[in-house]
C-alpha atoms as a PDB file:
ATOM      1  CA  MET A   1      14.082  -2.801  16.146  1.00  0.00           C
ATOM      2  CA  THR A   2      13.396  -3.120  19.862  1.00  0.00           C
ATOM      3  CA  LEU A   3      11.200  -5.945  21.155  1.00  0.00           C
ATOM      4  CA  GLU A   4       8.636  -3.402  22.298  1.00  0.00           C
ATOM      5  CA  ARG A   5       8.575  -1.795  18.865  1.00  0.00           C
ATOM      6  CA  GLU A   6       8.238  -5.178  17.191  1.00  0.00           C
ATOM      7  CA  ARG A   7       5.235  -5.941  19.415  1.00  0.00           C
ATOM      8  CA  GLU A   8       3.646  -2.628  18.387  1.00  0.00           C
ATOM      9  CA  TYR A   9       4.082  -3.391  14.679  1.00  0.00           C
ATOM     10  CA  ARG A  10       2.719  -6.909  15.054  1.00  0.00           C
ATOM     11  CA  ALA A  11      -0.279  -5.567  16.988  1.00  0.00           C
ATOM     12  CA  GLY A  12      -0.888  -2.974  14.261  1.00  0.00           C
ATOM     13  CA  ILE A  13      -0.845  -5.646  11.557  1.00  0.00           C
ATOM     14  CA  GLU A  14      -3.158  -7.868  13.594  1.00  0.00           C
ATOM     15  CA  ASN A  15      -5.614  -4.997  14.160  1.00  0.00           C
ATOM     16  CA  ALA A  16      -5.830  -4.445  10.402  1.00  0.00           C
ATOM     17  CA  LEU A  17      -6.190  -8.168   9.710  1.00  0.00           C
ATOM     18  CA  ARG A  18      -8.962  -8.424  12.299  1.00  0.00           C
ATOM     19  CA  ALA A  19     -10.891  -5.507  10.783  1.00  0.00           C
ATOM     20  CA  GLY A  20     -10.922  -7.199   7.376  1.00  0.00           C
ATOM     21  CA  TRP A  21     -11.452 -10.703   8.732  1.00  0.00           C
ATOM     22  CA  GLU A  22     -14.535  -9.747  10.742  1.00  0.00           C
ATOM     23  CA  ILE A  23     -16.166  -8.321   7.617  1.00  0.00           C
ATOM     24  CA  LEU A  24     -15.455 -11.504   5.653  1.00  0.00           C
ATOM     25  CA  GLN A  25     -16.687 -13.650   8.563  1.00  0.00           C
ATOM     26  CA  HIS A  26     -20.052 -11.907   8.437  1.00  0.00           C
ATOM     27  CA  GLY A  27     -20.392 -12.437   4.686  1.00  0.00           C
ATOM     28  CA  GLY A  28     -19.067  -9.010   3.692  1.00  0.00           C
ATOM     29  CA  SER A  29     -17.302  -8.285   0.430  1.00  0.00           C
ATOM     30  CA  SER A  30     -13.572  -8.410  -0.237  1.00  0.00           C
ATOM     31  CA  LEU A  31     -13.814  -4.721  -1.211  1.00  0.00           C
ATOM     32  CA  ASP A  32     -15.219  -3.794   2.207  1.00  0.00           C
ATOM     33  CA  ALA A  33     -12.625  -5.985   3.936  1.00  0.00           C
ATOM     34  CA  THR A  34      -9.595  -4.512   2.172  1.00  0.00           C
ATOM     35  CA  GLU A  35     -10.820  -0.945   2.654  1.00  0.00           C
ATOM     36  CA  ALA A  36     -11.418  -1.563   6.369  1.00  0.00           C
ATOM     37  CA  ALA A  37      -7.995  -3.133   6.870  1.00  0.00           C
ATOM     38  CA  VAL A  38      -6.217  -0.275   5.113  1.00  0.00           C
ATOM     39  CA  ARG A  39      -8.195   2.342   7.097  1.00  0.00           C
ATOM     40  CA  VAL A  40      -6.823   0.772  10.312  1.00  0.00           C
ATOM     41  CA  PHE A  41      -3.287   1.163   8.942  1.00  0.00           C
ATOM     42  CA  GLU A  42      -3.997   4.766   7.872  1.00  0.00           C
ATOM     43  CA  ASP A  43      -5.100   5.626  11.426  1.00  0.00           C
ATOM     44  CA  ASP A  44      -1.991   4.050  13.002  1.00  0.00           C
ATOM     45  CA  PRO A  45       1.007   6.458  13.092  1.00  0.00           C
ATOM     46  CA  LEU A  46       3.444   3.518  12.953  1.00  0.00           C
ATOM     47  CA  PHE A  47       2.693   2.950   9.266  1.00  0.00           C
ATOM     48  CA  ASN A  48       3.497   5.169   6.273  1.00  0.00           C
ATOM     49  CA  ALA A  49      -0.060   6.013   5.215  1.00  0.00           C
ATOM     50  CA  GLY A  50      -2.636   8.470   6.511  1.00  0.00           C
ATOM     51  CA  LYS A  51      -1.648   9.594  10.024  1.00  0.00           C
ATOM     52  CA  GLY A  52       1.892   8.154   9.777  1.00  0.00           C
ATOM     53  CA  SER A  53       2.735   9.492   6.317  1.00  0.00           C
ATOM     54  CA  VAL A  54       6.301  10.577   5.581  1.00  0.00           C
ATOM     55  CA  PHE A  55       7.245  14.121   4.559  1.00  0.00           C
ATOM     56  CA  SER A  56       8.211  15.350   1.100  1.00  0.00           C
ATOM     57  CA  ALA A  57      11.281  17.551   0.560  1.00  0.00           C
ATOM     58  CA  ALA A  58       8.942  20.545   0.885  1.00  0.00           C
ATOM     59  CA  GLY A  59       7.833  19.375   4.339  1.00  0.00           C
ATOM     60  CA  THR A  60       4.361  18.340   3.165  1.00  0.00           C
ATOM     61  CA  ASN A  61       2.463  15.071   3.562  1.00  0.00           C
ATOM     62  CA  GLU A  62       1.311  13.973   0.097  1.00  0.00           C
ATOM     63  CA  MET A  63      -0.685  10.752   0.054  1.00  0.00           C
ATOM     64  CA  ASP A  64      -1.690   8.228  -2.611  1.00  0.00           C
ATOM     65  CA  ALA A  65      -4.185   5.347  -2.459  1.00  0.00           C
ATOM     66  CA  ALA A  66      -5.989   2.885  -4.741  1.00  0.00           C
ATOM     67  CA  ILE A  67      -8.616   0.167  -4.550  1.00  0.00           C
ATOM     68  CA  MET A  68      -9.686  -2.365  -7.188  1.00  0.00           C
ATOM     69  CA  ASP A  69     -12.615  -4.738  -7.538  1.00  0.00           C
ATOM     70  CA  GLY A  70     -11.606  -8.058  -9.099  1.00  0.00           C
ATOM     71  CA  LYS A  71     -15.168  -8.873 -10.137  1.00  0.00           C
ATOM     72  CA  THR A  72     -15.704  -5.869 -12.418  1.00  0.00           C
ATOM     73  CA  LEU A  73     -12.101  -4.614 -12.863  1.00  0.00           C
ATOM     74  CA  ARG A  74     -13.375  -1.221 -11.714  1.00  0.00           C
ATOM     75  CA  ALA A  75     -10.814   0.763  -9.770  1.00  0.00           C
ATOM     76  CA  GLY A  76     -10.445   4.079  -7.991  1.00  0.00           C
ATOM     77  CA  ALA A  77      -7.338   5.966  -6.978  1.00  0.00           C
ATOM     78  CA  VAL A  78      -6.188   9.296  -5.565  1.00  0.00           C
ATOM     79  CA  ALA A  79      -2.770  10.913  -5.703  1.00  0.00           C
ATOM     80  CA  ASP A  80      -1.140  13.856  -3.926  1.00  0.00           C
ATOM     81  CA  VAL A  81      -3.972  14.426  -1.440  1.00  0.00           C
ATOM     82  CA  ARG A  82      -3.002  16.422   1.654  1.00  0.00           C
ATOM     83  CA  HIS A  83      -6.123  16.829   3.814  1.00  0.00           C
ATOM     84  CA  ILE A  84      -7.838  13.434   3.543  1.00  0.00           C
ATOM     85  CA  LYS A  85      -7.803  11.430   6.788  1.00  0.00           C
ATOM     86  CA  ASN A  86      -8.447   8.119   5.011  1.00  0.00           C
ATOM     87  CA  PRO A  87      -7.282   8.298   1.382  1.00  0.00           C
ATOM     88  CA  ILE A  88      -8.363   4.695   0.726  1.00  0.00           C
ATOM     89  CA  SER A  89     -12.009   5.614   1.292  1.00  0.00           C
ATOM     90  CA  LEU A  90     -11.698   8.546  -1.103  1.00  0.00           C
ATOM     91  CA  ALA A  91     -10.200   6.168  -3.689  1.00  0.00           C
ATOM     92  CA  ARG A  92     -13.286   3.992  -3.304  1.00  0.00           C
ATOM     93  CA  LEU A  93     -15.539   7.028  -3.753  1.00  0.00           C
ATOM     94  CA  VAL A  94     -13.702   7.853  -6.993  1.00  0.00           C
ATOM     95  CA  MET A  95     -14.431   4.296  -8.172  1.00  0.00           C
ATOM     96  CA  GLU A  96     -18.091   4.304  -7.161  1.00  0.00           C
ATOM     97  CA  LYS A  97     -19.215   7.931  -7.524  1.00  0.00           C
ATOM     98  CA  SER A  98     -17.206   9.302 -10.447  1.00  0.00           C
ATOM     99  CA  PRO A  99     -16.636   8.311 -14.077  1.00  0.00           C
ATOM    100  CA  HIS A 100     -12.872   8.329 -13.413  1.00  0.00           C
ATOM    101  CA  VAL A 101     -10.209   5.963 -12.109  1.00  0.00           C
ATOM    102  CA  LEU A 102      -7.549   8.402 -10.853  1.00  0.00           C
ATOM    103  CA  MET A 103      -7.934  11.890  -9.395  1.00  0.00           C
ATOM    104  CA  SER A 104      -5.224  14.044  -7.837  1.00  0.00           C
ATOM    105  CA  GLY A 105      -4.488  17.055  -5.680  1.00  0.00           C
ATOM    106  CA  PRO A 106      -6.989  19.860  -5.091  1.00  0.00           C
ATOM    107  CA  GLY A 107      -9.444  18.390  -7.613  1.00  0.00           C
ATOM    108  CA  ALA A 108      -9.602  15.127  -5.661  1.00  0.00           C
ATOM    109  CA  GLU A 109     -10.119  17.093  -2.440  1.00  0.00           C
ATOM    110  CA  ASP A 110     -12.928  19.169  -4.006  1.00  0.00           C
ATOM    111  CA  PHE A 111     -14.542  15.893  -5.072  1.00  0.00           C
ATOM    112  CA  ALA A 112     -14.189  14.665  -1.470  1.00  0.00           C
ATOM    113  CA  LYS A 113     -15.949  17.774  -0.125  1.00  0.00           C
ATOM    114  CA  GLN A 114     -18.801  17.355  -2.635  1.00  0.00           C
ATOM    115  CA  HIS A 115     -19.366  13.870  -1.244  1.00  0.00           C
ATOM    116  CA  GLY A 116     -19.338  14.896   2.406  1.00  0.00           C
ATOM    117  CA  VAL A 117     -15.831  13.677   3.216  1.00  0.00           C
ATOM    118  CA  GLU A 118     -14.397  15.539   6.171  1.00  0.00           C
ATOM    119  CA  LEU A 119     -11.048  17.188   5.431  1.00  0.00           C
ATOM    120  CA  VAL A 120      -8.444  17.507   8.181  1.00  0.00           C
ATOM    121  CA  ASP A 121      -5.808  20.146   8.818  1.00  0.00           C
ATOM    122  CA  ALA A 122      -2.301  19.313   7.594  1.00  0.00           C
ATOM    123  CA  LYS A 123      -1.220  19.279  11.277  1.00  0.00           C
ATOM    124  CA  TYR A 124      -3.154  16.028  11.726  1.00  0.00           C
ATOM    125  CA  PHE A 125      -0.482  14.151   9.743  1.00  0.00           C
ATOM    126  CA  PHE A 126       2.504  15.497  11.682  1.00  0.00           C
ATOM    127  CA  THR A 127       4.475  12.914  13.635  1.00  0.00           C
ATOM    128  CA  GLN A 128       7.822  13.719  15.246  1.00  0.00           C
ATOM    129  CA  GLU A 129       9.416  10.505  14.037  1.00  0.00           C
ATOM    130  CA  ARG A 130       8.597  11.179  10.377  1.00  0.00           C
ATOM    131  CA  TRP A 131       9.751  14.795  10.697  1.00  0.00           C
ATOM    132  CA  GLU A 132      13.094  13.637  12.122  1.00  0.00           C
ATOM    133  CA  ALA A 133      13.438  11.122   9.276  1.00  0.00           C
ATOM    134  CA  LEU A 134      13.083  14.007   6.806  1.00  0.00           C
ATOM    135  CA  GLN A 135      15.822  15.974   8.587  1.00  0.00           C
ATOM    136  CA  LYS A 136      18.103  12.904   8.494  1.00  0.00           C
ATOM    137  CA  ALA A 137      17.377  12.454   4.793  1.00  0.00           C
ATOM    138  CA  LYS A 138      18.297  16.074   4.098  1.00  0.00           C
ATOM    139  CA  VAL A 139      21.575  15.679   6.009  1.00  0.00           C
ATOM    140  CA  ALA A 140      22.307  12.481   4.076  1.00  0.00           C
ATOM    141  CA  GLU A 141      21.569  14.228   0.782  1.00  0.00           C
ATOM    142  CA  LYS A 142      23.969  17.058   1.599  1.00  0.00           C
ATOM    143  CA  ALA A 143      26.621  14.577   2.700  1.00  0.00           C
ATOM    144  CA  GLY A 144      26.768  12.937  -0.707  1.00  0.00           C
ATOM    145  CA  GLY A 145      23.404  11.979  -2.044  1.00  0.00           C
ATOM    146  CA  ASN A 146      22.129   8.458  -2.335  1.00  0.00           C
ATOM    147  CA  GLY A 147      25.462   6.823  -1.700  1.00  0.00           C
ATOM    148  CA  ASP A 148      25.454   7.817   1.960  1.00  0.00           C
ATOM    149  CA  LYS A 149      21.742   7.458   2.621  1.00  0.00           C
ATOM    150  CA  LYS A 150      22.036   3.925   3.921  1.00  0.00           C
ATOM    151  CA  PHE A 151      24.541   5.101   6.499  1.00  0.00           C
ATOM    152  CA  PHE A 152      22.087   7.614   7.946  1.00  0.00           C
ATOM    153  CA  LEU A 153      18.710   6.090   7.258  1.00  0.00           C
ATOM    154  CA  THR A 154      16.894   2.848   7.786  1.00  0.00           C
ATOM    155  CA  ASP A 155      14.516   1.482   5.174  1.00  0.00           C
ATOM    156  CA  GLN A 156      11.790   2.362   7.660  1.00  0.00           C
ATOM    157  CA  ASP A 157      12.826   6.040   7.544  1.00  0.00           C
ATOM    158  CA  LEU A 158      12.669   6.178   3.772  1.00  0.00           C
ATOM    159  CA  HIS A 159       9.474   4.545   2.606  1.00  0.00           C
ATOM    160  CA  GLY A 160       6.729   2.045   3.224  1.00  0.00           C
ATOM    161  CA  THR A 161       3.257   1.300   1.982  1.00  0.00           C
ATOM    162  CA  VAL A 162       0.240  -0.408   3.491  1.00  0.00           C
ATOM    163  CA  GLY A 163      -2.037  -2.722   1.593  1.00  0.00           C
ATOM    164  CA  ALA A 164      -4.559  -5.523   1.863  1.00  0.00           C
ATOM    165  CA  VAL A 165      -5.816  -8.221  -0.490  1.00  0.00           C
ATOM    166  CA  ALA A 166      -8.789 -10.488   0.107  1.00  0.00           C
ATOM    167  CA  LEU A 167     -10.982 -13.252  -1.308  1.00  0.00           C
ATOM    168  CA  ASP A 168     -14.586 -13.355  -0.099  1.00  0.00           C
ATOM    169  CA  ARG A 169     -17.075 -16.229   0.052  1.00  0.00           C
ATOM    170  CA  ASP A 170     -18.556 -15.215  -3.315  1.00  0.00           C
ATOM    171  CA  GLY A 171     -15.173 -15.724  -4.968  1.00  0.00           C
ATOM    172  CA  ASN A 172     -14.540 -12.020  -5.452  1.00  0.00           C
ATOM    173  CA  LEU A 173     -11.020 -10.639  -5.099  1.00  0.00           C
ATOM    174  CA  ALA A 174     -10.028  -7.100  -4.115  1.00  0.00           C
ATOM    175  CA  ALA A 175      -6.845  -5.135  -3.498  1.00  0.00           C
ATOM    176  CA  ALA A 176      -6.331  -1.861  -1.618  1.00  0.00           C
ATOM    177  CA  THR A 177      -3.107   0.117  -1.142  1.00  0.00           C
ATOM    178  CA  SER A 178      -2.243   3.411   0.600  1.00  0.00           C
ATOM    179  CA  THR A 179       0.982   5.336   1.190  1.00  0.00           C
ATOM    180  CA  GLY A 180       2.631   8.584   2.168  1.00  0.00           C
ATOM    181  CA  GLY A 181       5.311   7.870  -0.454  1.00  0.00           C
ATOM    182  CA  LYS A 182       9.032   8.376   0.042  1.00  0.00           C
ATOM    183  CA  THR A 183      10.729  10.534   2.645  1.00  0.00           C
ATOM    184  CA  ASN A 184      12.272  13.642   1.011  1.00  0.00           C
ATOM    185  CA  LYS A 185      10.556  12.980  -2.338  1.00  0.00           C
ATOM    186  CA  LEU A 186      10.130  15.954  -4.643  1.00  0.00           C
ATOM    187  CA  SER A 187       6.781  17.582  -4.015  1.00  0.00           C
ATOM    188  CA  GLY A 188       4.301  16.238  -6.561  1.00  0.00           C
ATOM    189  CA  ARG A 189       6.028  12.872  -6.953  1.00  0.00           C
ATOM    190  CA  ILE A 190       3.549  10.028  -7.370  1.00  0.00           C
ATOM    191  CA  GLY A 191       4.586   6.414  -6.864  1.00  0.00           C
ATOM    192  CA  ASP A 192       3.161   3.061  -7.892  1.00  0.00           C
ATOM    193  CA  THR A 193       0.397   2.849  -5.262  1.00  0.00           C
ATOM    194  CA  PRO A 194      -2.317   4.708  -7.246  1.00  0.00           C
ATOM    195  CA  ILE A 195      -1.151   3.324 -10.596  1.00  0.00           C
ATOM    196  CA  ILE A 196      -3.540   0.488 -11.445  1.00  0.00           C
ATOM    197  CA  GLY A 197      -1.363  -2.423 -12.557  1.00  0.00           C
ATOM    198  CA  GLY A 198       1.713  -0.900 -10.913  1.00  0.00           C
ATOM    199  CA  GLY A 199       1.230  -1.189  -7.160  1.00  0.00           C
ATOM    200  CA  THR A 200      -2.403  -2.335  -7.081  1.00  0.00           C
ATOM    201  CA  TYR A 201      -4.371  -4.853  -9.154  1.00  0.00           C
ATOM    202  CA  ALA A 202      -7.224  -7.351  -8.755  1.00  0.00           C
ATOM    203  CA  ASN A 203      -8.899  -9.701 -11.223  1.00  0.00           C
ATOM    204  CA  ASN A 204     -11.234 -12.552 -10.222  1.00  0.00           C
ATOM    205  CA  ALA A 205      -9.790 -14.685 -13.024  1.00  0.00           C
ATOM    206  CA  THR A 206      -6.315 -14.601 -11.472  1.00  0.00           C
ATOM    207  CA  CYS A 207      -5.303 -12.781  -8.295  1.00  0.00           C
ATOM    208  CA  ALA A 208      -5.238  -9.616  -6.189  1.00  0.00           C
ATOM    209  CA  VAL A 209      -1.912  -7.845  -5.556  1.00  0.00           C
ATOM    210  CA  SER A 210      -0.662  -4.920  -3.450  1.00  0.00           C
ATOM    211  CA  GLY A 211       2.975  -3.820  -3.598  1.00  0.00           C
ATOM    212  CA  THR A 212       5.442  -1.922  -1.426  1.00  0.00           C
ATOM    213  CA  GLY A 213       8.968  -0.665  -2.082  1.00  0.00           C
ATOM    214  CA  ASP A 214      10.703   1.470  -4.695  1.00  0.00           C
ATOM    215  CA  GLY A 215       7.622   2.667  -6.531  1.00  0.00           C
ATOM    216  CA  GLU A 216       9.357   3.832  -9.678  1.00  0.00           C
ATOM    217  CA  PHE A 217      10.539   0.273 -10.354  1.00  0.00           C
ATOM    218  CA  PHE A 218       7.085  -1.175  -9.696  1.00  0.00           C
ATOM    219  CA  ILE A 219       5.708   1.234 -12.297  1.00  0.00           C
ATOM    220  CA  MET A 220       8.397   0.331 -14.842  1.00  0.00           C
ATOM    221  CA  ALA A 221       7.719  -3.373 -14.290  1.00  0.00           C
ATOM    222  CA  THR A 222       3.903  -2.939 -14.286  1.00  0.00           C
ATOM    223  CA  ALA A 223       4.419  -5.212 -11.316  1.00  0.00           C
ATOM    224  CA  ALA A 224       0.950  -5.945  -9.970  1.00  0.00           C
ATOM    225  CA  HIS A 225      -0.549  -6.600 -13.395  1.00  0.00           C
ATOM    226  CA  ASP A 226       2.457  -8.687 -14.400  1.00  0.00           C
ATOM    227  CA  VAL A 227       1.699 -11.166 -11.604  1.00  0.00           C
ATOM    228  CA  SER A 228      -1.841 -11.538 -12.965  1.00  0.00           C
ATOM    229  CA  ALA A 229      -0.544 -11.908 -16.546  1.00  0.00           C
ATOM    230  CA  LEU A 230       1.899 -14.671 -15.592  1.00  0.00           C
ATOM    231  CA  ILE A 231      -0.948 -16.574 -13.905  1.00  0.00           C
ATOM    232  CA  GLU A 232      -3.331 -16.016 -16.816  1.00  0.00           C
ATOM    233  CA  TYR A 233      -1.045 -16.609 -19.782  1.00  0.00           C
ATOM    234  CA  ARG A 234       1.663 -18.909 -18.422  1.00  0.00           C
ATOM    235  CA  ARG A 235      -0.475 -20.738 -15.874  1.00  0.00           C
ATOM    236  CA  GLU A 236       2.051 -19.996 -13.135  1.00  0.00           C
ATOM    237  CA  THR A 237       1.054 -20.278  -9.477  1.00  0.00           C
ATOM    238  CA  VAL A 238       0.622 -17.059  -7.493  1.00  0.00           C
ATOM    239  CA  GLU A 239       3.868 -17.910  -5.666  1.00  0.00           C
ATOM    240  CA  GLU A 240       5.853 -18.455  -8.889  1.00  0.00           C
ATOM    241  CA  ALA A 241       4.411 -15.367 -10.567  1.00  0.00           C
ATOM    242  CA  SER A 242       4.936 -12.963  -7.660  1.00  0.00           C
ATOM    243  CA  VAL A 243       8.478 -14.191  -6.981  1.00  0.00           C
ATOM    244  CA  ALA A 244       9.328 -13.780 -10.697  1.00  0.00           C
ATOM    245  CA  VAL A 245       8.072 -10.177 -10.658  1.00  0.00           C
ATOM    246  CA  ILE A 246       9.982  -9.294  -7.477  1.00  0.00           C
ATOM    247  CA  ASP A 247      13.083 -10.817  -9.124  1.00  0.00           C
ATOM    248  CA  LYS A 248      12.460  -8.613 -12.171  1.00  0.00           C
ATOM    249  CA  ILE A 249      12.229  -5.532  -9.943  1.00  0.00           C
ATOM    250  CA  GLY A 250      15.487  -6.578  -8.277  1.00  0.00           C
ATOM    251  CA  LYS A 251      17.245  -6.842 -11.654  1.00  0.00           C
ATOM    252  CA  LEU A 252      16.049  -3.321 -12.497  1.00  0.00           C
ATOM    253  CA  GLY A 253      17.697  -2.141  -9.264  1.00  0.00           C
ATOM    254  CA  GLY A 254      14.641  -1.883  -7.031  1.00  0.00           C
ATOM    255  CA  THR A 255      13.743  -3.356  -3.657  1.00  0.00           C
ATOM    256  CA  GLY A 256      10.342  -4.185  -2.286  1.00  0.00           C
ATOM    257  CA  GLY A 257       7.743  -6.840  -1.858  1.00  0.00           C
ATOM    258  CA  MET A 258       4.110  -7.660  -2.423  1.00  0.00           C
ATOM    259  CA  ILE A 259       1.141  -9.441  -0.939  1.00  0.00           C
ATOM    260  CA  ALA A 260      -0.925 -11.535  -3.334  1.00  0.00           C
ATOM    261  CA  ILE A 261      -3.858 -13.940  -3.154  1.00  0.00           C
ATOM    262  CA  ASP A 262      -5.209 -16.022  -6.007  1.00  0.00           C
ATOM    263  CA  LYS A 263      -8.777 -17.016  -6.896  1.00  0.00           C
ATOM    264  CA  ASN A 264      -8.414 -20.220  -4.846  1.00  0.00           C
ATOM    265  CA  GLY A 265      -7.212 -18.439  -1.709  1.00  0.00           C
ATOM    266  CA  LYS A 266      -3.519 -19.347  -2.090  1.00  0.00           C
ATOM    267  CA  ILE A 267      -1.285 -16.540  -0.822  1.00  0.00           C
ATOM    268  CA  ALA A 268       2.222 -15.294  -1.606  1.00  0.00           C
ATOM    269  CA  LEU A 269       4.259 -12.697   0.292  1.00  0.00           C
ATOM    270  CA  PRO A 270       7.580 -12.356  -1.593  1.00  0.00           C
ATOM    271  CA  PHE A 271      10.120  -9.579  -0.967  1.00  0.00           C
ATOM    272  CA  ASN A 272      13.783  -8.898  -1.749  1.00  0.00           C
ATOM    273  CA  SER A 273      14.493  -6.566   1.184  1.00  0.00           C
ATOM    274  CA  SER A 274      15.722  -7.643   4.630  1.00  0.00           C
ATOM    275  CA  GLY A 275      12.152  -7.774   5.889  1.00  0.00           C
ATOM    276  CA  MET A 276       8.552  -6.812   5.181  1.00  0.00           C
ATOM    277  CA  TYR A 277       5.775  -6.198   7.664  1.00  0.00           C
ATOM    278  CA  ARG A 278       3.165  -8.743   6.633  1.00  0.00           C
ATOM    279  CA  GLY A 279       0.441 -11.006   7.867  1.00  0.00           C
ATOM    280  CA  TYR A 280      -2.556 -13.074   6.863  1.00  0.00           C
ATOM    281  CA  VAL A 281      -5.608 -14.868   8.182  1.00  0.00           C
ATOM    282  CA  ASP A 282      -6.248 -18.256   6.603  1.00  0.00           C
ATOM    283  CA  ALA A 283      -9.621 -19.889   5.903  1.00  0.00           C
ATOM    284  CA  ASN A 284      -9.551 -21.511   9.358  1.00  0.00           C
ATOM    285  CA  GLY A 285      -9.150 -18.165  11.094  1.00  0.00           C
ATOM    286  CA  LYS A 286      -5.470 -18.581  11.975  1.00  0.00           C
ATOM    287  CA  PHE A 287      -3.691 -15.212  12.336  1.00  0.00           C
ATOM    288  CA  VAL A 288      -0.033 -14.962  11.276  1.00  0.00           C
ATOM    289  CA  THR A 289       2.170 -11.833  11.442  1.00  0.00           C
ATOM    290  CA  GLU A 290       5.797 -11.671  10.300  1.00  0.00           C
ATOM    291  CA  ILE A 291       8.505  -9.034   9.901  1.00  0.00           C
ATOM    292  CA  TYR A 292      11.796 -10.718   8.938  1.00  0.00           C
ATOM    293  CA  ARG A 293      12.527 -13.535   6.495  1.00  0.00           C
END
């Protein structure tokens, strides 16, 4: 990580925070704020979502996204979409304009067209850096599978997810998550991001959560919902609950982290990897961005 690169990442996080913060400042909803923040990430090629999505083993960009409203528990999600510039906004359309929670592939893209969403050519998602990461992953795979991957690849090459959680002045929580998935994943693989309760969850009674990391383990642990359950049933704090769930994921063999905010505005940003791109704006308007421990 060069200093210049670190500055770029911090600026990207701050841009997303600002987009959400400005909506909240003007009395907007947590749903609008989280969607806006995630759209900024999706448009920034530095992050693994939208424009910066990683490539599957087949050389395709296959994106997942989800959004959830803590007030109503309504949620919308899309999986394996390949021509949607901002998957998070399509996820919101699924929540608001369809009777469904999760739509995938060509069906989700047909639904997008019916609602006037502009589709983009697959070339839009191509970035040289992500393409090179796929080639490195293929070399690593040939050289001995997962055992040698760490030697060739950084965590940044392999995966990443963007997300936002927010509490608005009406006391409503929301969570939004978007990802390109894992580099060199089998085509058609879907991770935890669009799985409500896996990588995304919001409930006004407890908290809003968005996760990043080894998606399969987040699904097995029903990670995002588990944080809410620990707060609801065991009266744990958002910090205690989220740390406990990340510990559980670690025991299963997974790495990752999450961002969480409770109904009182307390935040938690636990992770068990060497770092996690993260940031927050507090009630006083103080911006904080962090990468390492």
